[in-house]
PDB file of all heavy atoms in Angstrom:
ATOM      1  N   THR A   1     189.400  91.499 -74.276  1.00  0.00           N
ATOM      2  CA  THR A   1     189.458  91.157 -75.665  1.00  0.00           C
ATOM      3  C   THR A   1     188.581  92.020 -76.466  1.00  0.00           C
ATOM      4  O   THR A   1     188.970  92.485 -77.629  1.00  0.00           O
ATOM      5  CB  THR A   1     189.187  89.708 -75.969  1.00  0.00           C
ATOM      6  OG1 THR A   1     189.966  88.831 -75.259  1.00  0.00           O
ATOM      7  CG2 THR A   1     189.289  89.418 -77.377  1.00  0.00           C
ATOM      8  N   TYR A   2     187.412  92.437 -76.003  1.00  0.00           N
ATOM      9  CA  TYR A   2     186.403  93.127 -76.654  1.00  0.00           C
ATOM     10  C   TYR A   2     186.377  94.656 -76.405  1.00  0.00           C
ATOM     11  O   TYR A   2     185.847  95.407 -77.223  1.00  0.00           O
ATOM     12  CB  TYR A   2     185.036  92.576 -76.507  1.00  0.00           C
ATOM     13  CG  TYR A   2     184.916  91.192 -77.087  1.00  0.00           C
ATOM     14  CD1 TYR A   2     184.983  90.088 -76.333  1.00  0.00           C
ATOM     15  CD2 TYR A   2     184.831  91.059 -78.471  1.00  0.00           C
ATOM     16  CE1 TYR A   2     184.825  88.855 -76.826  1.00  0.00           C
ATOM     17  CE2 TYR A   2     184.654  89.711 -79.004  1.00  0.00           C
ATOM     18  CZ  TYR A   2     184.774  88.680 -78.264  1.00  0.00           C
ATOM     19  OH  TYR A   2     184.612  87.357 -78.720  1.00  0.00           O
ATOM     20  N   THR A   3     187.031  95.033 -75.194  1.00  0.00           N
ATOM     21  CA  THR A   3     186.874  96.352 -74.804  1.00  0.00           C
ATOM     22  C   THR A   3     187.361  97.409 -75.781  1.00  0.00           C
ATOM     23  O   THR A   3     186.964  98.448 -75.973  1.00  0.00           O
ATOM     24  CB  THR A   3     187.409  96.532 -73.367  1.00  0.00           C
ATOM     25  OG1 THR A   3     186.867  95.731 -72.372  1.00  0.00           O
ATOM     26  CG2 THR A   3     187.500  98.024 -72.950  1.00  0.00           C
ATOM     27  N   SER A   4     188.549  97.040 -76.448  1.00  0.00           N
ATOM     28  CA  SER A   4     189.147  97.892 -77.377  1.00  0.00           C
ATOM     29  C   SER A   4     188.313  98.212 -78.560  1.00  0.00           C
ATOM     30  O   SER A   4     188.539  99.050 -79.255  1.00  0.00           O
ATOM     31  CB  SER A   4     190.512  97.338 -77.792  1.00  0.00           C
ATOM     32  OG  SER A   4     190.290  96.120 -78.449  1.00  0.00           O
ATOM     33  N   GLN A   5     187.263  97.321 -78.721  1.00  0.00           N
ATOM     34  CA  GLN A   5     186.364  97.529 -79.908  1.00  0.00           C
ATOM     35  C   GLN A   5     185.208  98.381 -79.718  1.00  0.00           C
ATOM     36  O   GLN A   5     184.412  98.519 -80.684  1.00  0.00           O
ATOM     37  CB  GLN A   5     185.951  96.061 -80.471  1.00  0.00           C
ATOM     38  CG  GLN A   5     187.136  95.229 -80.722  1.00  0.00           C
ATOM     39  CD  GLN A   5     186.690  93.772 -80.966  1.00  0.00           C
ATOM     40  OE1 GLN A   5     185.697  93.549 -81.466  1.00  0.00           O
ATOM     41  NE2 GLN A   5     187.456  92.810 -80.550  1.00  0.00           N
ATOM     42  N   ILE A   6     184.950  98.798 -78.565  1.00  0.00           N
ATOM     43  CA  ILE A   6     183.813  99.643 -78.228  1.00  0.00           C
ATOM     44  C   ILE A   6     184.138 100.918 -77.422  1.00  0.00           C
ATOM     45  O   ILE A   6     185.203 100.982 -76.887  1.00  0.00           O
ATOM     46  CB  ILE A   6     182.726  98.772 -77.470  1.00  0.00           C
ATOM     47  CG1 ILE A   6     183.232  98.460 -76.079  1.00  0.00           C
ATOM     48  CG2 ILE A   6     182.413  97.522 -78.094  1.00  0.00           C
ATOM     49  CD1 ILE A   6     182.130  97.810 -75.147  1.00  0.00           C
ATOM     50  N   PHE A   7     183.246 101.724 -77.308  1.00  0.00           N
ATOM     51  CA  PHE A   7     183.295 102.861 -76.477  1.00  0.00           C
ATOM     52  C   PHE A   7     182.307 102.678 -75.315  1.00  0.00           C
ATOM     53  O   PHE A   7     181.179 102.570 -75.548  1.00  0.00           O
ATOM     54  CB  PHE A   7     182.976 104.200 -77.179  1.00  0.00           C
ATOM     55  CG  PHE A   7     183.758 104.587 -78.298  1.00  0.00           C
ATOM     56  CD1 PHE A   7     183.413 104.542 -79.590  1.00  0.00           C
ATOM     57  CD2 PHE A   7     185.181 104.820 -78.082  1.00  0.00           C
ATOM     58  CE1 PHE A   7     184.131 104.812 -80.607  1.00  0.00           C
ATOM     59  CE2 PHE A   7     186.009 105.186 -79.107  1.00  0.00           C
ATOM     60  CZ  PHE A   7     185.558 105.123 -80.388  1.00  0.00           C
ATOM     61  N   SER A   8     182.847 102.684 -74.114  1.00  0.00           N
ATOM     62  CA  SER A   8     181.913 102.474 -72.944  1.00  0.00           C
ATOM     63  C   SER A   8     182.598 103.066 -71.700  1.00  0.00           C
ATOM     64  O   SER A   8     183.667 102.863 -71.481  1.00  0.00           O
ATOM     65  CB  SER A   8     181.779 100.870 -72.688  1.00  0.00           C
ATOM     66  OG  SER A   8     181.041 100.721 -71.605  1.00  0.00           O
ATOM     67  N   GLU A   9     181.658 103.745 -70.945  1.00  0.00           N
ATOM     68  CA  GLU A   9     182.090 104.328 -69.733  1.00  0.00           C
ATOM     69  C   GLU A   9     181.823 103.583 -68.564  1.00  0.00           C
ATOM     70  O   GLU A   9     182.305 103.550 -67.420  1.00  0.00           O
ATOM     71  CB  GLU A   9     181.686 105.848 -69.574  1.00  0.00           C
ATOM     72  CG  GLU A   9     182.268 106.712 -70.474  1.00  0.00           C
ATOM     73  CD  GLU A   9     181.735 108.186 -70.177  1.00  0.00           C
ATOM     74  OE1 GLU A   9     180.560 108.321 -69.968  1.00  0.00           O
ATOM     75  OE2 GLU A   9     182.490 109.157 -70.283  1.00  0.00           O
ATOM     76  N   GLN A  10     180.591 102.911 -68.511  1.00  0.00           N
ATOM     77  CA  GLN A  10     180.019 102.224 -67.494  1.00  0.00           C
ATOM     78  C   GLN A  10     179.754 100.721 -67.881  1.00  0.00           C
ATOM     79  O   GLN A  10     179.444 100.422 -68.831  1.00  0.00           O
ATOM     80  CB  GLN A  10     178.601 102.763 -67.009  1.00  0.00           C
ATOM     81  CG  GLN A  10     178.750 104.251 -66.546  1.00  0.00           C
ATOM     82  CD  GLN A  10     179.332 104.426 -65.113  1.00  0.00           C
ATOM     83  OE1 GLN A  10     179.540 103.334 -64.475  1.00  0.00           O
ATOM     84  NE2 GLN A  10     179.694 105.569 -64.746  1.00  0.00           N
ATOM     85  N   SER A  11     179.883  99.792 -66.815  1.00  0.00           N
ATOM     86  CA  SER A  11     179.539  98.473 -67.030  1.00  0.00           C
ATOM     87  C   SER A  11     178.106  98.266 -66.726  1.00  0.00           C
ATOM     88  O   SER A  11     177.527  99.102 -65.807  1.00  0.00           O
ATOM     89  CB  SER A  11     180.471  97.599 -66.025  1.00  0.00           C
ATOM     90  OG  SER A  11     179.654  96.236 -65.910  1.00  0.00           O
ATOM     91  N   LEU A  12     177.444  97.506 -67.448  1.00  0.00           N
ATOM     92  CA  LEU A  12     175.905  97.258 -67.206  1.00  0.00           C
ATOM     93  C   LEU A  12     175.701  96.517 -65.836  1.00  0.00           C
ATOM     94  O   LEU A  12     174.584  96.366 -65.499  1.00  0.00           O
ATOM     95  CB  LEU A  12     175.303  96.518 -68.347  1.00  0.00           C
ATOM     96  CG  LEU A  12     175.195  97.447 -69.672  1.00  0.00           C
ATOM     97  CD1 LEU A  12     174.395  96.586 -70.652  1.00  0.00           C
ATOM     98  CD2 LEU A  12     174.512  98.773 -69.318  1.00  0.00           C
ATOM     99  N   GLU A  13     176.776  96.049 -65.122  1.00  0.00           N
ATOM    100  CA  GLU A  13     176.671  95.371 -63.853  1.00  0.00           C
ATOM    101  C   GLU A  13     176.585  96.506 -62.805  1.00  0.00           C
ATOM    102  O   GLU A  13     176.294  96.199 -61.662  1.00  0.00           O
ATOM    103  CB  GLU A  13     177.883  94.456 -63.662  1.00  0.00           C
ATOM    104  CG  GLU A  13     177.996  93.344 -64.605  1.00  0.00           C
ATOM    105  CD  GLU A  13     176.871  92.351 -64.415  1.00  0.00           C
ATOM    106  OE1 GLU A  13     176.697  91.944 -63.268  1.00  0.00           O
ATOM    107  OE2 GLU A  13     176.158  92.102 -65.362  1.00  0.00           O
ATOM    108  N   THR A  14     176.881  97.867 -63.122  1.00  0.00           N
ATOM    109  CA  THR A  14     177.048  98.744 -62.073  1.00  0.00           C
ATOM    110  C   THR A  14     175.642  98.955 -61.415  1.00  0.00           C
ATOM    111  O   THR A  14     174.600  99.157 -62.162  1.00  0.00           O
ATOM    112  CB  THR A  14     177.412 100.172 -62.756  1.00  0.00           C
ATOM    113  OG1 THR A  14     178.615  99.845 -63.385  1.00  0.00           O
ATOM    114  CG2 THR A  14     177.528 101.168 -61.646  1.00  0.00           C
ATOM    115  N   PRO A  15     175.528  99.045 -60.045  1.00  0.00           N
ATOM    116  CA  PRO A  15     174.395  99.414 -59.362  1.00  0.00           C
ATOM    117  C   PRO A  15     173.905 100.788 -59.733  1.00  0.00           C
ATOM    118  O   PRO A  15     174.727 101.704 -59.837  1.00  0.00           O
ATOM    119  CB  PRO A  15     174.644  99.227 -57.897  1.00  0.00           C
ATOM    120  CG  PRO A  15     175.969  98.292 -57.815  1.00  0.00           C
ATOM    121  CD  PRO A  15     176.585  98.647 -59.253  1.00  0.00           C
ATOM    122  N   LEU A  16     172.527 100.989 -59.863  1.00  0.00           N
ATOM    123  CA  LEU A  16     172.037 102.384 -60.345  1.00  0.00           C
ATOM    124  C   LEU A  16     172.400 103.363 -59.173  1.00  0.00           C
ATOM    125  O   LEU A  16     172.591 104.544 -59.624  1.00  0.00           O
ATOM    126  CB  LEU A  16     170.587 102.277 -60.433  1.00  0.00           C
ATOM    127  CG  LEU A  16     170.026 101.317 -61.535  1.00  0.00           C
ATOM    128  CD1 LEU A  16     168.522 101.346 -61.773  1.00  0.00           C
ATOM    129  CD2 LEU A  16     170.708 101.696 -62.871  1.00  0.00           C
ATOM    130  N   GLY A  17     172.680 102.892 -57.970  1.00  0.00           N
ATOM    131  CA  GLY A  17     173.039 103.894 -57.010  1.00  0.00           C
ATOM    132  C   GLY A  17     174.430 104.439 -57.177  1.00  0.00           C
ATOM    133  O   GLY A  17     174.763 105.501 -56.550  1.00  0.00           O
ATOM    134  N   ASP A  18     175.247 103.721 -57.989  1.00  0.00           N
ATOM    135  CA  ASP A  18     176.576 104.219 -58.279  1.00  0.00           C
ATOM    136  C   ASP A  18     176.773 105.137 -59.537  1.00  0.00           C
ATOM    137  O   ASP A  18     177.837 105.606 -59.656  1.00  0.00           O
ATOM    138  CB  ASP A  18     177.473 103.037 -58.416  1.00  0.00           C
ATOM    139  CG  ASP A  18     177.701 102.251 -57.167  1.00  0.00           C
ATOM    140  OD1 ASP A  18     177.342 102.762 -56.040  1.00  0.00           O
ATOM    141  OD2 ASP A  18     178.160 101.128 -57.227  1.00  0.00           O
ATOM    142  N   LEU A  19     175.648 105.294 -60.200  1.00  0.00           N
ATOM    143  CA  LEU A  19     175.620 106.209 -61.450  1.00  0.00           C
ATOM    144  C   LEU A  19     175.547 107.602 -61.002  1.00  0.00           C
ATOM    145  O   LEU A  19     175.048 107.955 -59.912  1.00  0.00           O
ATOM    146  CB  LEU A  19     174.539 105.726 -62.268  1.00  0.00           C
ATOM    147  CG  LEU A  19     174.472 104.292 -62.974  1.00  0.00           C
ATOM    148  CD1 LEU A  19     173.432 104.169 -63.810  1.00  0.00           C
ATOM    149  CD2 LEU A  19     175.831 104.229 -63.759  1.00  0.00           C
ATOM    150  N   PRO A  20     176.302 108.426 -61.778  1.00  0.00           N
ATOM    151  CA  PRO A  20     176.058 109.935 -61.610  1.00  0.00           C
ATOM    152  C   PRO A  20     174.596 110.310 -61.454  1.00  0.00           C
ATOM    153  O   PRO A  20     173.746 109.762 -62.200  1.00  0.00           O
ATOM    154  CB  PRO A  20     176.703 110.591 -62.770  1.00  0.00           C
ATOM    155  CG  PRO A  20     177.664 109.517 -63.332  1.00  0.00           C
ATOM    156  CD  PRO A  20     176.936 108.164 -63.021  1.00  0.00           C
ATOM    157  N   ARG A  21     174.256 111.197 -60.520  1.00  0.00           N
ATOM    158  CA  ARG A  21     172.878 111.451 -60.329  1.00  0.00           C
ATOM    159  C   ARG A  21     172.549 112.866 -60.723  1.00  0.00           C
ATOM    160  O   ARG A  21     173.435 113.785 -60.564  1.00  0.00           O
ATOM    161  CB  ARG A  21     172.510 111.410 -58.812  1.00  0.00           C
ATOM    162  CG  ARG A  21     172.667 109.965 -58.161  1.00  0.00           C
ATOM    163  CD  ARG A  21     172.271 109.828 -56.816  1.00  0.00           C
ATOM    164  NE  ARG A  21     172.394 108.548 -56.278  1.00  0.00           N
ATOM    165  CZ  ARG A  21     172.048 108.103 -55.046  1.00  0.00           C
ATOM    166  NH1 ARG A  21     171.353 108.932 -54.301  1.00  0.00           N
ATOM    167  NH2 ARG A  21     172.246 106.837 -54.673  1.00  0.00           N
ATOM    168  N   LYS A  22     171.452 112.985 -61.216  1.00  0.00           N
ATOM    169  CA  LYS A  22     170.856 114.434 -61.540  1.00  0.00           C
ATOM    170  C   LYS A  22     169.536 114.665 -60.861  1.00  0.00           C
ATOM    171  O   LYS A  22     168.652 113.663 -60.841  1.00  0.00           O
ATOM    172  CB  LYS A  22     170.712 114.611 -63.049  1.00  0.00           C
ATOM    173  CG  LYS A  22     169.960 113.489 -63.802  1.00  0.00           C
ATOM    174  CD  LYS A  22     170.030 113.817 -65.302  1.00  0.00           C
ATOM    175  CE  LYS A  22     169.243 112.655 -66.024  1.00  0.00           C
ATOM    176  NZ  LYS A  22     170.087 111.435 -66.086  1.00  0.00           N
ATOM    177  N   LYS A  23     169.249 115.770 -60.276  1.00  0.00           N
ATOM    178  CA  LYS A  23     168.025 115.930 -59.375  1.00  0.00           C
ATOM    179  C   LYS A  23     166.815 115.903 -60.379  1.00  0.00           C
ATOM    180  O   LYS A  23     166.747 116.674 -61.253  1.00  0.00           O
ATOM    181  CB  LYS A  23     168.171 117.359 -58.652  1.00  0.00           C
ATOM    182  CG  LYS A  23     167.068 117.482 -57.759  1.00  0.00           C
ATOM    183  CD  LYS A  23     167.120 118.712 -56.892  1.00  0.00           C
ATOM    184  CE  LYS A  23     166.003 118.961 -56.023  1.00  0.00           C
ATOM    185  NZ  LYS A  23     165.810 117.889 -55.085  1.00  0.00           N
ATOM    186  N   PRO A  24     165.874 114.987 -60.135  1.00  0.00           N
ATOM    187  CA  PRO A  24     164.765 114.798 -60.995  1.00  0.00           C
ATOM    188  C   PRO A  24     163.852 116.054 -60.893  1.00  0.00           C
ATOM    189  O   PRO A  24     163.712 116.700 -59.702  1.00  0.00           O
ATOM    190  CB  PRO A  24     164.121 113.536 -60.378  1.00  0.00           C
ATOM    191  CG  PRO A  24     165.104 112.863 -59.670  1.00  0.00           C
ATOM    192  CD  PRO A  24     166.006 113.973 -59.049  1.00  0.00           C
ATOM    193  N   LEU A  25     163.205 116.410 -61.884  1.00  0.00           N
ATOM    194  CA  LEU A  25     162.258 117.546 -61.863  1.00  0.00           C
ATOM    195  C   LEU A  25     160.921 116.898 -61.533  1.00  0.00           C
ATOM    196  O   LEU A  25     160.445 115.907 -62.207  1.00  0.00           O
ATOM    197  CB  LEU A  25     162.193 118.234 -63.336  1.00  0.00           C
ATOM    198  CG  LEU A  25     161.256 119.340 -63.419  1.00  0.00           C
ATOM    199  CD1 LEU A  25     161.632 120.495 -62.436  1.00  0.00           C
ATOM    200  CD2 LEU A  25     161.252 119.884 -64.886  1.00  0.00           C
ATOM    201  N   CYS A  26     160.312 117.340 -60.513  1.00  0.00           N
ATOM    202  CA  CYS A  26     159.023 116.753 -59.980  1.00  0.00           C
ATOM    203  C   CYS A  26     157.904 117.999 -59.757  1.00  0.00           C
ATOM    204  O   CYS A  26     158.405 119.002 -59.162  1.00  0.00           O
ATOM    205  CB  CYS A  26     159.337 115.969 -58.832  1.00  0.00           C
ATOM    206  SG  CYS A  26     157.843 114.912 -58.348  1.00  0.00           S
ATOM    207  N   VAL A  27     156.755 117.702 -60.066  1.00  0.00           N
ATOM    208  CA  VAL A  27     155.665 118.579 -59.675  1.00  0.00           C
ATOM    209  C   VAL A  27     154.589 117.795 -59.219  1.00  0.00           C
ATOM    210  O   VAL A  27     154.517 116.470 -59.145  1.00  0.00           O
ATOM    211  CB  VAL A  27     155.196 119.387 -61.001  1.00  0.00           C
ATOM    212  CG1 VAL A  27     156.326 120.323 -61.436  1.00  0.00           C
ATOM    213  CG2 VAL A  27     154.723 118.422 -61.990  1.00  0.00           C
ATOM    214  N   THR A  28     153.572 118.487 -58.540  1.00  0.00           N
ATOM    215  CA  THR A  28     152.315 117.902 -58.056  1.00  0.00           C
ATOM    216  C   THR A  28     151.470 117.536 -59.166  1.00  0.00           C
ATOM    217  O   THR A  28     151.460 118.141 -60.188  1.00  0.00           O
ATOM    218  CB  THR A  28     151.650 118.690 -56.978  1.00  0.00           C
ATOM    219  OG1 THR A  28     151.207 119.916 -57.522  1.00  0.00           O
ATOM    220  CG2 THR A  28     152.749 119.046 -55.927  1.00  0.00           C
ATOM    221  N   PRO A  29     150.488 116.710 -58.914  1.00  0.00           N
ATOM    222  CA  PRO A  29     149.415 116.353 -60.019  1.00  0.00           C
ATOM    223  C   PRO A  29     148.657 117.425 -60.469  1.00  0.00           C
ATOM    224  O   PRO A  29     147.998 117.470 -61.627  1.00  0.00           O
ATOM    225  CB  PRO A  29     148.636 115.233 -59.312  1.00  0.00           C
ATOM    226  CG  PRO A  29     149.402 114.660 -58.198  1.00  0.00           C
ATOM    227  CD  PRO A  29     150.310 115.783 -57.869  1.00  0.00           C
ATOM    228  N   ASN A  30     148.368 118.496 -59.560  1.00  0.00           N
ATOM    229  CA  ASN A  30     147.540 119.672 -60.082  1.00  0.00           C
ATOM    230  C   ASN A  30     148.296 120.837 -60.555  1.00  0.00           C
ATOM    231  O   ASN A  30     147.687 121.786 -60.958  1.00  0.00           O
ATOM    232  CB  ASN A  30     146.740 120.097 -58.752  1.00  0.00           C
ATOM    233  CG  ASN A  30     145.816 119.153 -58.182  1.00  0.00           C
ATOM    234  OD1 ASN A  30     145.036 118.579 -59.077  1.00  0.00           O
ATOM    235  ND2 ASN A  30     145.578 118.943 -56.978  1.00  0.00           N
ATOM    236  N   THR A  31     149.627 120.554 -60.746  1.00  0.00           N
ATOM    237  CA  THR A  31     150.392 121.626 -61.506  1.00  0.00           C
ATOM    238  C   THR A  31     149.793 121.675 -62.874  1.00  0.00           C
ATOM    239  O   THR A  31     149.584 120.702 -63.536  1.00  0.00           O
ATOM    240  CB  THR A  31     151.845 121.203 -61.507  1.00  0.00           C
ATOM    241  OG1 THR A  31     152.352 121.133 -60.110  1.00  0.00           O
ATOM    242  CG2 THR A  31     152.643 122.311 -62.220  1.00  0.00           C
ATOM    243  N   SER A  32     149.777 122.839 -63.460  1.00  0.00           N
ATOM    244  CA  SER A  32     149.233 123.092 -64.761  1.00  0.00           C
ATOM    245  C   SER A  32     150.127 122.502 -65.840  1.00  0.00           C
ATOM    246  O   SER A  32     151.402 122.471 -65.597  1.00  0.00           O
ATOM    247  CB  SER A  32     148.973 124.585 -65.186  1.00  0.00           C
ATOM    248  OG  SER A  32     150.175 125.288 -65.252  1.00  0.00           O
ATOM    249  N   ILE A  33     149.661 122.032 -66.909  1.00  0.00           N
ATOM    250  CA  ILE A  33     150.564 121.622 -68.026  1.00  0.00           C
ATOM    251  C   ILE A  33     151.516 122.748 -68.462  1.00  0.00           C
ATOM    252  O   ILE A  33     152.668 122.458 -68.722  1.00  0.00           O
ATOM    253  CB  ILE A  33     149.708 121.131 -69.310  1.00  0.00           C
ATOM    254  CG1 ILE A  33     148.754 119.976 -68.819  1.00  0.00           C
ATOM    255  CG2 ILE A  33     150.524 120.738 -70.383  1.00  0.00           C
ATOM    256  CD1 ILE A  33     147.787 119.543 -69.877  1.00  0.00           C
ATOM    257  N   LYS A  34     151.064 123.944 -68.534  1.00  0.00           N
ATOM    258  CA  LYS A  34     151.830 125.011 -69.045  1.00  0.00           C
ATOM    259  C   LYS A  34     153.064 125.290 -68.044  1.00  0.00           C
ATOM    260  O   LYS A  34     154.171 125.381 -68.510  1.00  0.00           O
ATOM    261  CB  LYS A  34     151.050 126.341 -68.999  1.00  0.00           C
ATOM    262  CG  LYS A  34     151.891 127.529 -69.496  1.00  0.00           C
ATOM    263  CD  LYS A  34     150.960 128.714 -69.638  1.00  0.00           C
ATOM    264  CE  LYS A  34     151.666 129.961 -69.978  1.00  0.00           C
ATOM    265  NZ  LYS A  34     150.888 131.244 -70.060  1.00  0.00           N
ATOM    266  N   GLU A  35     152.793 125.273 -66.705  1.00  0.00           N
ATOM    267  CA  GLU A  35     153.970 125.419 -65.756  1.00  0.00           C
ATOM    268  C   GLU A  35     154.968 124.332 -65.868  1.00  0.00           C
ATOM    269  O   GLU A  35     156.154 124.530 -65.742  1.00  0.00           O
ATOM    270  CB  GLU A  35     153.337 125.422 -64.387  1.00  0.00           C
ATOM    271  CG  GLU A  35     154.429 125.718 -63.341  1.00  0.00           C
ATOM    272  CD  GLU A  35     153.784 125.789 -61.872  1.00  0.00           C
ATOM    273  OE1 GLU A  35     152.564 125.897 -61.780  1.00  0.00           O
ATOM    274  OE2 GLU A  35     154.594 125.770 -60.970  1.00  0.00           O
ATOM    275  N   ALA A  36     154.341 123.032 -66.084  1.00  0.00           N
ATOM    276  CA  ALA A  36     155.245 121.818 -66.096  1.00  0.00           C
ATOM    277  C   ALA A  36     156.143 121.921 -67.334  1.00  0.00           C
ATOM    278  O   ALA A  36     157.429 121.700 -67.376  1.00  0.00           O
ATOM    279  CB  ALA A  36     154.448 120.584 -66.079  1.00  0.00           C
ATOM    280  N   LEU A  37     155.580 122.488 -68.609  1.00  0.00           N
ATOM    281  CA  LEU A  37     156.416 122.543 -69.723  1.00  0.00           C
ATOM    282  C   LEU A  37     157.463 123.646 -69.700  1.00  0.00           C
ATOM    283  O   LEU A  37     158.558 123.469 -70.135  1.00  0.00           O
ATOM    284  CB  LEU A  37     155.466 122.873 -70.892  1.00  0.00           C
ATOM    285  CG  LEU A  37     154.460 121.735 -71.223  1.00  0.00           C
ATOM    286  CD1 LEU A  37     153.656 122.042 -72.515  1.00  0.00           C
ATOM    287  CD2 LEU A  37     155.215 120.424 -71.575  1.00  0.00           C
ATOM    288  N   THR A  38     156.964 124.661 -68.961  1.00  0.00           N
ATOM    289  CA  THR A  38     157.918 125.793 -68.676  1.00  0.00           C
ATOM    290  C   THR A  38     159.175 125.221 -67.973  1.00  0.00           C
ATOM    291  O   THR A  38     160.351 125.682 -68.245  1.00  0.00           O
ATOM    292  CB  THR A  38     157.302 126.991 -67.957  1.00  0.00           C
ATOM    293  OG1 THR A  38     156.175 127.431 -68.728  1.00  0.00           O
ATOM    294  CG2 THR A  38     158.201 128.155 -67.777  1.00  0.00           C
ATOM    295  N   LEU A  39     158.832 124.633 -66.988  1.00  0.00           N
ATOM    296  CA  LEU A  39     160.031 124.083 -66.077  1.00  0.00           C
ATOM    297  C   LEU A  39     160.873 123.173 -66.901  1.00  0.00           C
ATOM    298  O   LEU A  39     162.150 123.178 -66.746  1.00  0.00           O
ATOM    299  CB  LEU A  39     159.446 123.254 -64.826  1.00  0.00           C
ATOM    300  CG  LEU A  39     158.761 124.174 -63.745  1.00  0.00           C
ATOM    301  CD1 LEU A  39     158.013 123.318 -62.740  1.00  0.00           C
ATOM    302  CD2 LEU A  39     159.930 125.077 -62.982  1.00  0.00           C
ATOM    303  N   MET A  40     160.378 122.291 -67.663  1.00  0.00           N
ATOM    304  CA  MET A  40     161.084 121.383 -68.456  1.00  0.00           C
ATOM    305  C   MET A  40     161.976 122.173 -69.542  1.00  0.00           C
ATOM    306  O   MET A  40     163.114 121.907 -69.719  1.00  0.00           O
ATOM    307  CB  MET A  40     160.155 120.331 -69.277  1.00  0.00           C
ATOM    308  CG  MET A  40     159.441 119.388 -68.557  1.00  0.00           C
ATOM    309  SD  MET A  40     158.274 118.362 -69.426  1.00  0.00           S
ATOM    310  CE  MET A  40     159.316 117.485 -70.520  1.00  0.00           C
ATOM    311  N   HIS A  41     161.420 123.238 -70.033  1.00  0.00           N
ATOM    312  CA  HIS A  41     162.150 124.037 -70.987  1.00  0.00           C
ATOM    313  C   HIS A  41     163.402 124.793 -70.246  1.00  0.00           C
ATOM    314  O   HIS A  41     164.511 124.737 -70.822  1.00  0.00           O
ATOM    315  CB  HIS A  41     161.282 124.996 -71.731  1.00  0.00           C
ATOM    316  CG  HIS A  41     161.881 125.990 -72.552  1.00  0.00           C
ATOM    317  ND1 HIS A  41     162.439 125.599 -73.789  1.00  0.00           N
ATOM    318  CD2 HIS A  41     162.368 127.361 -72.511  1.00  0.00           C
ATOM    319  CE1 HIS A  41     163.057 126.647 -74.483  1.00  0.00           C
ATOM    320  NE2 HIS A  41     162.908 127.699 -73.523  1.00  0.00           N
ATOM    321  N   GLU A  42     162.999 125.301 -69.069  1.00  0.00           N
ATOM    322  CA  GLU A  42     164.137 126.077 -68.425  1.00  0.00           C
ATOM    323  C   GLU A  42     165.218 125.103 -67.816  1.00  0.00           C
ATOM    324  O   GLU A  42     166.331 125.484 -67.906  1.00  0.00           O
ATOM    325  CB  GLU A  42     163.499 126.761 -67.202  1.00  0.00           C
ATOM    326  CG  GLU A  42     162.500 127.874 -67.511  1.00  0.00           C
ATOM    327  CD  GLU A  42     161.872 128.379 -66.326  1.00  0.00           C
ATOM    328  OE1 GLU A  42     161.928 127.865 -65.253  1.00  0.00           O
ATOM    329  OE2 GLU A  42     161.152 129.571 -66.459  1.00  0.00           O
TER     330      GLU A  42
END
C-alpha cells in the first residue's frame, strides 16, 4: 500500500551482510595524517 509512495531499494530488515560491500580504507595508528588524507582523496 505504501511502497508506491516512496523510493527504496533495500528493506531495513536486510542483514548487513547482504548489502553491497565496498572495501574499507584502513591505515595503522602511526600513519601520518597527511598520508591518510591523501588516501581518502585518491
